[in-house]
Amino acid sequence: MNIKELLEKKKYKPMLLFFGLPRTGKTAFLSQIGEKGTLIDFDNGLVTVLTMKDEWTETRSKINVESFTSEGPDDNKAYNRFLMYITSLYATVQKSPEKTPKIIGFDSFTGLMNLLTDYILGNSGHAGKPPTQPEYGLIFAEARRLLRLLNGIPAIKILTGHLGFKVTGDITYSQLLCTGVNFPNEVCGFFDDILYTKKKKLAQGKEAYILTTTGLPDAVLGTRRRFTEEWDMNKGLISLLKELGYEEYL
């Protein structure tokens, strides 16, 4: 069996990560999935995006949105509600695969990890307090389990994330914002494509929102297709997925 036959047999569907600084267009770009998918909101950041007036306004209006936002550090139930939703999604896949969304967006991984952390701390009786070393272990173990679970959903999965930094001596490294020193780079191993979001200044004071695999030499970035160009988000999310070779899944 060659690699192409193996992928076809497994019905493999990719998982992507877009991360960068705040206000670099991550959520707005993700919301372009429209009627092709479901957008899962952990950050309560869709209100502004869904009222944006641009060429993607009508597309955004057709999104199915599921919200799992925390009501505070004492709320350890939001993550459990999310797990129940994922369980029901797997049931849908088994019974009615045609109803499975083509694309599932998660906004954001940072917000999801916050929910997960509140869940662990709430169950241990330490809600609102910094995690202990054993609790960090539980958080990382559950995050790994969750990423494997998400990877198994037969849809294109796209997560947004925020840019974080790791300081080692006098050197500051750019990486995905995530709890732990080495865990952010481990998280990146679950993704097929990781792109950095940024603003780019144009002539006459205008700005473009860009996706790229360059610009952060010390960060984990890259795609299966060796995609290196600067991608203008105005071209659209679906166009990007086709460029990355995922047209057959749309």
Protein backbone atom coordinates (compact mmCIF):
# COMPACT_ATOMS: atom_id res chain seq x y z
CA MET A 1 0.00 0.00 0.00
CA ASN A 2 1.48 3.37 -0.99
CA ILE A 3 1.06 6.58 1.02
CA LYS A 4 -1.75 7.91 -1.19
CA GLU A 5 -3.76 4.71 -0.76
CA LEU A 6 -3.13 4.81 3.01
CA LEU A 7 -4.44 8.37 3.32
CA GLU A 8 -7.51 7.55 1.24
CA LYS A 9 -8.24 4.48 3.36
CA LYS A 10 -7.96 6.41 6.61
CA LYS A 11 -10.03 9.32 5.26
CA TYR A 12 -7.42 11.60 6.79
CA LYS A 13 -8.52 15.18 7.44
CA PRO A 14 -6.00 17.88 8.36
CA MET A 15 -5.70 20.14 11.41
CA LEU A 16 -4.39 23.70 11.04
CA LEU A 17 -3.23 26.40 13.44
CA PHE A 18 -3.17 30.16 12.79
CA PHE A 19 -1.50 32.16 15.54
CA GLY A 20 -0.24 35.68 16.04
CA LEU A 21 -0.65 38.89 17.99
CA PRO A 22 -4.13 40.23 18.86
CA ARG A 23 -5.92 42.20 16.13
CA THR A 24 -4.15 40.45 13.26
CA GLY A 25 -7.33 39.10 11.65
CA LYS A 26 -7.38 35.53 12.98
CA THR A 27 -11.04 35.35 13.99
CA ALA A 28 -12.25 37.39 11.02
CA PHE A 29 -10.41 35.04 8.65
CA LEU A 30 -11.66 31.91 10.40
CA SER A 31 -15.24 33.18 10.23
CA GLN A 32 -15.08 32.97 6.43
CA ILE A 33 -15.95 29.25 6.63
CA GLY A 34 -19.60 30.31 6.35
CA GLU A 35 -22.11 27.57 5.66
CA LYS A 36 -19.35 25.02 5.07
CA GLY A 37 -18.69 24.67 8.77
CA THR A 38 -19.17 25.29 12.45
CA LEU A 39 -17.26 27.83 14.49
CA ILE A 40 -16.74 27.01 18.16
CA ASP A 41 -16.25 30.12 20.27
CA PHE A 42 -14.27 30.04 23.53
CA ASP A 43 -13.31 33.73 23.65
CA ASN A 44 -16.65 35.49 23.17
CA GLY A 45 -14.95 37.34 20.34
CA LEU A 46 -17.45 36.77 17.55
CA VAL A 47 -19.80 39.66 18.27
CA THR A 48 -17.51 42.19 16.57
CA VAL A 49 -16.59 39.85 13.72
CA LEU A 50 -20.16 38.93 12.86
CA THR A 51 -21.10 42.61 12.55
CA MET A 52 -18.18 43.46 10.23
CA LYS A 53 -19.16 45.05 6.94
CA ASP A 54 -16.94 43.74 4.14
CA GLU A 55 -17.06 41.32 1.22
CA TRP A 56 -17.38 38.39 3.63
CA THR A 57 -20.37 39.72 5.60
CA GLU A 58 -22.92 37.47 3.91
CA THR A 59 -20.62 34.44 4.20
CA ARG A 60 -20.18 35.02 7.95
CA SER A 61 -23.94 35.30 8.45
CA LYS A 62 -24.30 31.65 7.44
CA ILE A 63 -21.96 30.23 10.09
CA ASN A 64 -23.24 27.78 12.65
CA VAL A 65 -21.79 29.00 15.97
CA GLU A 66 -21.41 26.98 19.16
CA SER A 67 -20.29 28.95 22.21
CA PHE A 68 -18.50 27.58 25.28
CA THR A 69 -17.37 30.60 27.23
CA SER A 70 -16.45 30.64 30.89
CA GLU A 71 -18.31 32.75 33.41
CA GLY A 72 -15.17 33.05 35.54
CA PRO A 73 -12.48 30.93 37.24
CA ASP A 74 -15.12 29.26 39.40
CA ASP A 75 -16.92 27.97 36.30
CA ASN A 76 -15.50 24.51 35.69
CA LYS A 77 -18.52 23.31 33.72
CA ALA A 78 -17.90 25.05 30.38
CA TYR A 79 -15.16 22.60 29.42
CA ASN A 80 -17.39 19.68 30.31
CA ARG A 81 -20.14 21.10 28.08
CA PHE A 82 -17.61 21.29 25.26
CA LEU A 83 -16.62 17.64 25.75
CA MET A 84 -20.29 16.65 25.60
CA TYR A 85 -20.61 18.56 22.33
CA ILE A 86 -17.59 16.76 20.83
CA THR A 87 -19.07 13.42 21.95
CA SER A 88 -22.36 14.27 20.21
CA LEU A 89 -20.40 15.27 17.10
CA TYR A 90 -18.74 11.86 17.00
CA ALA A 91 -22.20 10.28 17.28
CA THR A 92 -23.35 12.35 14.31
CA VAL A 93 -20.34 11.19 12.31
CA GLN A 94 -21.27 7.56 12.95
CA LYS A 95 -25.01 7.87 12.28
CA SER A 96 -25.16 10.59 9.62
CA PRO A 97 -21.71 11.32 8.17
CA GLU A 98 -23.26 13.62 5.57
CA LYS A 99 -24.19 16.01 8.41
CA THR A 100 -20.60 16.37 9.59
CA PRO A 101 -19.33 19.93 8.98
CA LYS A 102 -16.71 20.25 6.23
CA ILE A 103 -14.73 22.64 8.42
CA ILE A 104 -14.71 23.12 12.20
CA GLY A 105 -13.10 26.27 13.55
CA PHE A 106 -11.97 26.71 17.16
CA ASP A 107 -11.47 30.26 18.41
CA SER A 108 -9.17 30.04 20.18
CA PHE A 109 -6.80 27.37 21.46
CA THR A 110 -5.83 29.86 24.17
CA GLY A 111 -9.43 30.13 25.32
CA LEU A 112 -9.87 26.37 25.18
CA MET A 113 -6.81 25.86 27.39
CA ASN A 114 -8.21 28.39 29.87
CA LEU A 115 -11.45 26.39 30.05
CA LEU A 116 -9.48 23.17 30.49
CA THR A 117 -7.39 24.71 33.29
CA ASP A 118 -10.49 25.98 35.12
CA TYR A 119 -11.96 22.48 34.77
CA ILE A 120 -8.92 20.80 36.33
CA LEU A 121 -8.59 23.36 39.13
CA GLY A 122 -12.31 23.29 39.87
CA ASN A 123 -12.31 19.52 40.19
CA SER A 124 -9.33 19.66 42.55
CA GLY A 125 -10.90 22.37 44.74
CA HIS A 126 -8.36 25.02 43.72
CA ALA A 127 -10.56 27.21 41.49
CA GLY A 128 -9.02 30.61 40.82
CA LYS A 129 -5.60 29.63 42.20
CA PRO A 130 -2.35 28.95 40.33
CA PRO A 131 -1.97 25.28 39.37
CA THR A 132 0.26 23.08 41.47
CA GLN A 133 2.85 20.86 39.78
CA PRO A 134 0.55 17.79 39.84
CA GLU A 135 -2.26 19.92 38.40
CA TYR A 136 0.00 21.07 35.56
CA GLY A 137 0.54 17.40 34.81
CA LEU A 138 -3.22 16.82 34.65
CA ILE A 139 -3.69 19.86 32.42
CA PHE A 140 -1.04 18.69 29.93
CA ALA A 141 -2.35 15.12 29.92
CA GLU A 142 -5.91 16.27 29.23
CA ALA A 143 -4.73 18.69 26.52
CA ARG A 144 -2.90 15.86 24.74
CA ARG A 145 -5.97 13.65 24.96
CA LEU A 146 -8.17 16.44 23.62
CA LEU A 147 -5.89 17.20 20.66
CA ARG A 148 -5.88 13.52 19.69
CA LEU A 149 -9.67 13.54 19.98
CA LEU A 150 -10.03 16.60 17.76
CA ASN A 151 -7.60 15.17 15.23
CA GLY A 152 -9.88 12.18 14.80
CA ILE A 153 -12.89 14.23 13.67
CA PRO A 154 -13.34 13.70 9.90
CA ALA A 155 -13.39 17.40 9.02
CA ILE A 156 -10.83 20.10 8.37
CA LYS A 157 -10.03 21.49 11.83
CA ILE A 158 -8.69 25.04 12.18
CA LEU A 159 -7.62 26.53 15.51
CA THR A 160 -6.55 30.08 16.19
CA GLY A 161 -4.01 30.91 18.87
CA HIS A 162 -2.09 33.83 20.33
CA LEU A 163 1.59 34.64 20.12
CA GLY A 164 3.56 33.95 23.28
CA PHE A 165 7.19 34.17 24.30
CA LYS A 166 9.71 31.99 26.13
CA VAL A 167 12.71 33.58 27.81
CA THR A 168 15.91 31.53 28.12
CA GLY A 169 18.77 33.53 29.59
CA ASP A 170 19.13 36.64 27.47
CA ILE A 171 17.22 35.17 24.53
CA THR A 172 13.48 35.54 23.96
CA TYR A 173 11.82 32.97 21.70
CA SER A 174 8.48 33.38 19.91
CA GLN A 175 6.00 30.54 20.23
CA LEU A 176 2.34 29.64 20.65
CA LEU A 177 0.90 31.14 23.82
CA CYS A 178 0.27 28.17 26.06
CA THR A 179 0.86 27.01 29.62
CA GLY A 180 4.22 25.36 30.20
CA VAL A 181 7.78 25.86 29.01
CA ASN A 182 8.08 23.13 26.40
CA PHE A 183 4.42 22.20 25.93
CA PRO A 184 3.65 24.89 23.28
CA ASN A 185 6.09 23.31 20.82
CA GLU A 186 4.73 19.86 21.65
CA VAL A 187 1.25 21.13 20.82
CA CYS A 188 2.48 22.19 17.38
CA GLY A 189 3.30 18.56 16.60
CA PHE A 190 -0.43 17.80 16.36
CA PHE A 191 -0.93 20.18 13.40
CA ASP A 192 -0.36 19.70 9.69
CA ASP A 193 -0.09 23.40 8.91
CA ILE A 194 0.97 26.25 11.23
CA LEU A 195 0.88 29.80 9.93
CA TYR A 196 1.67 33.13 11.52
CA THR A 197 -0.78 36.05 11.26
CA LYS A 198 0.42 39.63 10.99
CA LYS A 199 -0.42 43.10 9.75
CA LYS A 200 1.57 44.55 6.87
CA LYS A 201 1.72 48.27 6.17
CA LEU A 202 0.96 49.29 2.61
CA ALA A 203 1.14 52.58 0.75
CA GLN A 204 -1.01 55.53 1.81
CA GLY A 205 -1.45 54.26 5.35
CA LYS A 206 -3.36 51.12 4.35
CA GLU A 207 -2.85 47.73 5.98
CA ALA A 208 -3.07 44.13 4.82
CA TYR A 209 -3.67 41.07 6.97
CA ILE A 210 -1.19 38.35 6.11
CA LEU A 211 -0.66 34.64 6.76
CA THR A 212 2.86 33.33 6.38
CA THR A 213 5.33 30.65 7.44
CA THR A 214 8.17 33.15 7.63
CA GLY A 215 8.94 36.12 9.85
CA LEU A 216 9.38 34.22 13.11
CA PRO A 217 12.61 32.26 12.58
CA ASP A 218 12.61 30.77 16.08
CA ALA A 219 8.95 29.67 16.07
CA VAL A 220 7.41 26.39 14.87
CA LEU A 221 5.86 27.28 11.50
CA GLY A 222 5.32 25.43 8.24
CA THR A 223 2.95 23.41 6.08
CA ARG A 224 2.87 19.98 4.49
CA ARG A 225 3.03 21.69 1.08
CA ARG A 226 6.12 23.81 1.93
CA PHE A 227 3.95 26.91 1.64
CA THR A 228 6.12 29.99 2.23
CA GLU A 229 4.46 32.92 0.51
CA GLU A 230 2.72 35.78 2.26
CA TRP A 231 -0.99 35.07 1.86
CA ASP A 232 -3.38 38.02 1.77
CA MET A 233 -6.37 37.07 3.91
CA ASN A 234 -8.63 39.03 1.55
CA LYS A 235 -8.23 36.14 -0.90
CA GLY A 236 -10.36 34.10 1.46
CA LEU A 237 -10.03 31.08 3.70
CA ILE A 238 -11.43 28.64 1.15
CA SER A 239 -8.85 29.80 -1.41
CA LEU A 240 -6.09 29.17 1.13
CA LEU A 241 -7.33 25.65 1.85
CA LYS A 242 -7.31 24.91 -1.88
CA GLU A 243 -3.79 26.31 -2.15
CA LEU A 244 -2.71 23.97 0.64
CA GLY A 245 -4.16 20.98 -1.22
CA TYR A 246 -7.37 20.39 0.73
CA GLU A 247 -9.90 21.08 -2.02
CA GLU A 248 -11.12 17.48 -2.04
CA TYR A 249 -12.35 17.85 1.55
CA LEU A 250 -14.46 20.95 0.90
